[in-house]
N, C-alpha and C. Protein backbone atom coordinates (compact mmCIF):
# COMPACT_ATOMS: atom_id res chain seq x y z
N MET A 1 18.15 -0.12 -23.29
CA MET A 1 17.28 -0.34 -22.15
C MET A 1 17.89 -1.42 -21.27
N SER A 2 17.82 -1.22 -19.96
CA SER A 2 18.38 -2.20 -19.04
C SER A 2 17.48 -3.45 -19.01
N PRO A 3 18.05 -4.59 -18.63
CA PRO A 3 17.25 -5.82 -18.56
C PRO A 3 16.09 -5.72 -17.57
N GLU A 4 16.28 -4.98 -16.46
CA GLU A 4 15.21 -4.83 -15.48
C GLU A 4 14.04 -4.05 -16.07
N LEU A 5 14.35 -2.99 -16.81
CA LEU A 5 13.30 -2.19 -17.42
C LEU A 5 12.55 -2.98 -18.49
N VAL A 6 13.28 -3.77 -19.27
CA VAL A 6 12.65 -4.62 -20.28
C VAL A 6 11.70 -5.61 -19.61
N HIS A 7 12.12 -6.16 -18.47
CA HIS A 7 11.28 -7.11 -17.73
C HIS A 7 9.99 -6.43 -17.25
N VAL A 8 10.08 -5.21 -16.73
CA VAL A 8 8.91 -4.50 -16.24
C VAL A 8 7.96 -4.18 -17.40
N VAL A 9 8.50 -3.69 -18.51
CA VAL A 9 7.66 -3.36 -19.66
C VAL A 9 6.98 -4.62 -20.20
N ALA A 10 7.72 -5.73 -20.24
CA ALA A 10 7.13 -6.99 -20.72
C ALA A 10 6.01 -7.45 -19.79
N ALA A 11 6.19 -7.28 -18.47
CA ALA A 11 5.15 -7.67 -17.52
C ALA A 11 3.90 -6.82 -17.70
N ILE A 12 4.09 -5.53 -17.94
CA ILE A 12 2.94 -4.63 -18.16
C ILE A 12 2.20 -5.02 -19.42
N LEU A 13 2.94 -5.27 -20.50
CA LEU A 13 2.30 -5.66 -21.76
C LEU A 13 1.59 -7.00 -21.63
N ARG A 14 2.21 -7.95 -20.95
CA ARG A 14 1.59 -9.26 -20.76
C ARG A 14 0.29 -9.13 -19.98
N ARG A 15 0.32 -8.35 -18.91
CA ARG A 15 -0.88 -8.16 -18.09
C ARG A 15 -1.97 -7.47 -18.91
N HIS A 16 -1.58 -6.51 -19.73
CA HIS A 16 -2.55 -5.78 -20.56
C HIS A 16 -3.19 -6.72 -21.59
N LEU A 17 -2.38 -7.63 -22.17
CA LEU A 17 -2.91 -8.55 -23.17
C LEU A 17 -3.81 -9.61 -22.54
N VAL A 18 -3.47 -10.06 -21.33
CA VAL A 18 -4.25 -11.11 -20.68
C VAL A 18 -5.54 -10.55 -20.09
N TYR A 19 -5.44 -9.45 -19.33
CA TYR A 19 -6.59 -8.93 -18.58
C TYR A 19 -7.26 -7.73 -19.24
N GLY A 20 -6.65 -7.15 -20.25
CA GLY A 20 -7.19 -5.96 -20.87
C GLY A 20 -6.78 -4.72 -20.09
N PRO A 21 -7.25 -3.57 -20.51
CA PRO A 21 -6.88 -2.33 -19.81
C PRO A 21 -7.48 -2.27 -18.41
N VAL A 22 -6.91 -1.43 -17.57
CA VAL A 22 -7.44 -1.26 -16.21
C VAL A 22 -8.79 -0.56 -16.32
N PRO A 23 -9.85 -1.15 -15.75
CA PRO A 23 -11.19 -0.56 -15.87
C PRO A 23 -11.29 0.79 -15.17
N LEU A 24 -12.15 1.63 -15.70
CA LEU A 24 -12.43 2.92 -15.06
C LEU A 24 -13.44 2.70 -13.95
N VAL A 25 -13.13 3.22 -12.76
CA VAL A 25 -13.97 2.99 -11.59
C VAL A 25 -14.17 4.32 -10.86
N PRO A 26 -15.41 4.64 -10.47
CA PRO A 26 -15.61 5.85 -9.67
C PRO A 26 -15.18 5.60 -8.23
N ARG A 27 -14.85 6.67 -7.52
CA ARG A 27 -14.41 6.56 -6.13
C ARG A 27 -15.15 7.60 -5.30
N TYR A 28 -15.56 7.20 -4.10
CA TYR A 28 -16.25 8.13 -3.20
C TYR A 28 -15.21 8.81 -2.33
N ASP A 29 -15.22 10.13 -2.31
CA ASP A 29 -14.32 10.90 -1.46
C ASP A 29 -15.07 11.24 -0.18
N GLY A 30 -14.66 10.60 0.91
CA GLY A 30 -15.35 10.79 2.18
C GLY A 30 -15.16 12.17 2.77
N HIS A 31 -14.04 12.82 2.45
CA HIS A 31 -13.81 14.17 2.98
C HIS A 31 -14.69 15.20 2.28
N GLU A 32 -14.77 15.09 0.97
CA GLU A 32 -15.60 16.02 0.20
C GLU A 32 -17.05 15.56 0.09
N ARG A 33 -17.30 14.28 0.42
CA ARG A 33 -18.63 13.68 0.33
C ARG A 33 -19.21 13.77 -1.08
N THR A 34 -18.36 13.45 -2.04
CA THR A 34 -18.77 13.44 -3.44
C THR A 34 -18.15 12.22 -4.13
N TRP A 35 -18.75 11.85 -5.25
CA TRP A 35 -18.18 10.80 -6.08
C TRP A 35 -17.24 11.43 -7.09
N ILE A 36 -16.07 10.85 -7.25
CA ILE A 36 -15.08 11.34 -8.20
C ILE A 36 -15.28 10.60 -9.51
N GLN A 37 -15.08 11.28 -10.61
CA GLN A 37 -15.30 10.68 -11.92
C GLN A 37 -14.48 9.40 -12.08
N PRO A 38 -14.95 8.47 -12.89
CA PRO A 38 -14.24 7.20 -13.08
C PRO A 38 -12.82 7.41 -13.61
N MET A 39 -11.89 6.71 -12.97
CA MET A 39 -10.48 6.75 -13.36
C MET A 39 -9.91 5.34 -13.28
N PRO A 40 -8.77 5.08 -13.91
CA PRO A 40 -8.18 3.73 -13.86
C PRO A 40 -7.34 3.52 -12.60
N TYR A 41 -7.99 3.38 -11.45
CA TYR A 41 -7.27 3.16 -10.20
C TYR A 41 -6.58 1.80 -10.22
N ARG A 42 -5.37 1.76 -9.72
CA ARG A 42 -4.59 0.52 -9.74
C ARG A 42 -5.13 -0.50 -8.74
N PHE A 43 -5.54 -0.07 -7.55
CA PHE A 43 -6.00 -1.00 -6.53
C PHE A 43 -7.52 -1.02 -6.52
N GLN A 44 -8.07 -2.04 -7.15
CA GLN A 44 -9.52 -2.22 -7.24
C GLN A 44 -9.87 -3.61 -6.74
N ARG A 45 -11.12 -3.78 -6.39
CA ARG A 45 -11.62 -5.11 -6.06
C ARG A 45 -13.03 -5.22 -6.60
N GLN A 46 -13.43 -6.44 -6.84
CA GLN A 46 -14.77 -6.69 -7.37
C GLN A 46 -15.56 -7.48 -6.35
N ILE A 47 -16.71 -6.94 -5.98
CA ILE A 47 -17.63 -7.61 -5.06
C ILE A 47 -18.91 -7.83 -5.83
N GLY A 48 -19.18 -9.09 -6.18
CA GLY A 48 -20.32 -9.39 -7.04
C GLY A 48 -20.05 -8.85 -8.42
N ALA A 49 -20.96 -8.03 -8.92
CA ALA A 49 -20.79 -7.45 -10.25
C ALA A 49 -20.25 -6.02 -10.18
N VAL A 50 -20.00 -5.52 -8.96
CA VAL A 50 -19.60 -4.12 -8.79
C VAL A 50 -18.10 -4.02 -8.53
N ARG A 51 -17.44 -3.15 -9.26
CA ARG A 51 -16.02 -2.87 -9.03
C ARG A 51 -15.90 -1.60 -8.21
N ARG A 52 -15.04 -1.63 -7.20
CA ARG A 52 -14.80 -0.47 -6.35
C ARG A 52 -13.31 -0.30 -6.12
N VAL A 53 -12.92 0.93 -5.78
CA VAL A 53 -11.55 1.22 -5.40
C VAL A 53 -11.34 0.72 -3.98
N VAL A 54 -10.18 0.16 -3.71
CA VAL A 54 -9.85 -0.28 -2.36
C VAL A 54 -9.66 0.98 -1.51
N SER A 55 -10.41 1.08 -0.42
CA SER A 55 -10.37 2.29 0.41
C SER A 55 -9.12 2.33 1.28
N THR A 56 -8.80 3.52 1.75
CA THR A 56 -7.65 3.67 2.63
C THR A 56 -7.87 2.93 3.94
N GLY A 57 -9.12 2.86 4.41
CA GLY A 57 -9.41 2.11 5.62
C GLY A 57 -9.12 0.63 5.47
N THR A 58 -9.44 0.07 4.31
CA THR A 58 -9.15 -1.33 4.04
C THR A 58 -7.65 -1.58 4.03
N VAL A 59 -6.91 -0.67 3.41
CA VAL A 59 -5.45 -0.81 3.39
C VAL A 59 -4.88 -0.76 4.80
N LEU A 60 -5.36 0.19 5.62
CA LEU A 60 -4.88 0.30 7.00
C LEU A 60 -5.23 -0.94 7.83
N ASN A 61 -6.45 -1.45 7.67
CA ASN A 61 -6.84 -2.66 8.40
C ASN A 61 -5.98 -3.85 8.01
N ASN A 62 -5.68 -3.98 6.72
CA ASN A 62 -4.82 -5.08 6.28
C ASN A 62 -3.41 -4.94 6.83
N LEU A 63 -2.89 -3.72 6.87
CA LEU A 63 -1.56 -3.50 7.44
C LEU A 63 -1.54 -3.82 8.93
N ARG A 64 -2.58 -3.40 9.66
CA ARG A 64 -2.65 -3.71 11.10
C ARG A 64 -2.70 -5.21 11.33
N ARG A 65 -3.50 -5.91 10.52
CA ARG A 65 -3.61 -7.36 10.67
C ARG A 65 -2.26 -8.02 10.40
N ASP A 66 -1.57 -7.57 9.36
CA ASP A 66 -0.27 -8.16 9.04
C ASP A 66 0.77 -7.82 10.09
N CYS A 67 0.67 -6.64 10.71
CA CYS A 67 1.64 -6.25 11.73
C CYS A 67 1.47 -7.08 13.00
N LYS A 68 0.27 -7.54 13.28
CA LYS A 68 0.04 -8.37 14.47
C LYS A 68 0.76 -9.70 14.35
N THR A 69 0.97 -10.17 13.13
CA THR A 69 1.65 -11.44 12.95
C THR A 69 3.16 -11.27 12.90
N PHE A 70 3.63 -10.04 13.04
CA PHE A 70 5.06 -9.76 13.00
C PHE A 70 5.75 -10.39 14.21
N ASN A 71 6.83 -11.06 13.99
CA ASN A 71 7.54 -11.77 15.05
C ASN A 71 8.18 -10.77 16.01
N ILE A 72 8.01 -10.99 17.32
CA ILE A 72 8.55 -10.07 18.33
C ILE A 72 10.07 -10.02 18.27
N LEU A 73 10.72 -11.11 17.92
CA LEU A 73 12.18 -11.08 17.82
C LEU A 73 12.63 -10.20 16.67
N GLN A 74 11.91 -10.23 15.57
CA GLN A 74 12.24 -9.34 14.46
C GLN A 74 12.01 -7.90 14.86
N SER A 75 10.99 -7.65 15.68
CA SER A 75 10.70 -6.30 16.14
C SER A 75 11.83 -5.78 17.01
N ARG A 76 12.34 -6.61 17.92
CA ARG A 76 13.45 -6.19 18.77
C ARG A 76 14.70 -5.92 17.95
N ARG A 77 14.95 -6.78 16.98
CA ARG A 77 16.11 -6.60 16.12
C ARG A 77 15.98 -5.30 15.33
N TRP A 78 14.77 -5.00 14.86
CA TRP A 78 14.54 -3.78 14.09
C TRP A 78 14.73 -2.54 14.95
N ASN A 79 14.20 -2.56 16.20
CA ASN A 79 14.32 -1.41 17.08
C ASN A 79 15.76 -1.17 17.51
N SER A 80 16.55 -2.22 17.67
CA SER A 80 17.94 -2.03 18.07
C SER A 80 18.78 -1.44 16.96
N SER A 81 18.32 -1.55 15.72
CA SER A 81 19.08 -1.00 14.61
C SER A 81 18.63 0.41 14.24
N ARG A 82 17.67 0.97 14.99
CA ARG A 82 17.16 2.32 14.69
C ARG A 82 18.21 3.36 15.04
N PRO A 83 18.34 4.42 14.27
CA PRO A 83 19.31 5.46 14.59
C PRO A 83 18.86 6.25 15.81
N ASN A 84 19.83 6.88 16.50
CA ASN A 84 19.46 7.72 17.63
C ASN A 84 19.56 9.19 17.22
N CYS A 85 19.16 10.05 18.12
CA CYS A 85 19.09 11.48 17.80
C CYS A 85 20.39 12.21 18.12
N GLY A 86 21.42 11.50 18.52
CA GLY A 86 22.70 12.14 18.82
C GLY A 86 22.89 12.39 20.30
N ASP A 87 21.81 12.40 21.08
CA ASP A 87 21.92 12.66 22.52
C ASP A 87 21.66 11.39 23.33
N GLY A 88 21.77 10.24 22.68
CA GLY A 88 21.58 8.98 23.37
C GLY A 88 20.17 8.46 23.33
N GLU A 89 19.21 9.30 22.97
CA GLU A 89 17.83 8.85 22.88
C GLU A 89 17.58 8.22 21.53
N SER A 90 16.76 7.19 21.51
CA SER A 90 16.39 6.63 20.22
C SER A 90 15.36 7.53 19.57
N VAL A 91 15.17 7.36 18.29
CA VAL A 91 14.19 8.16 17.56
C VAL A 91 12.80 7.95 18.15
N ASN A 92 12.47 6.72 18.55
CA ASN A 92 11.15 6.42 19.07
C ASN A 92 10.89 7.03 20.45
N SER A 93 11.95 7.25 21.26
CA SER A 93 11.73 7.72 22.61
C SER A 93 11.27 9.17 22.64
N ARG A 94 11.48 9.92 21.59
CA ARG A 94 11.05 11.33 21.56
C ARG A 94 9.53 11.45 21.51
N ASP A 95 8.86 10.47 20.87
CA ASP A 95 7.41 10.57 20.76
C ASP A 95 6.71 9.65 21.75
N GLY A 96 7.43 9.15 22.75
CA GLY A 96 6.80 8.36 23.80
C GLY A 96 6.65 6.89 23.48
N ARG A 97 7.25 6.40 22.39
CA ARG A 97 7.12 4.99 22.04
C ARG A 97 8.43 4.25 22.27
N ALA A 98 9.20 4.59 23.27
CA ALA A 98 10.51 3.99 23.49
C ALA A 98 10.44 2.57 23.74
């Protein structure tokens, strides 16, 4: 076994021994409008005494908030390193975000 894999397995075992197994939590499916049976979802949060799965909307809101703090200079550097489509246009200019 590689040292990296041993490190990951040790971290999983340590977390399991300290916190116990991942709790089973039901999740509401907004598209089907039903509750899904309890499963060991990795991304959970506890509000009061209730455990819930972190929703996709929460993840998107957190990503948007973090993107607002992104430095504009890093953004320019990132866009200049983007590949082009071969005809001189950048990848972003095809979808109107040039």
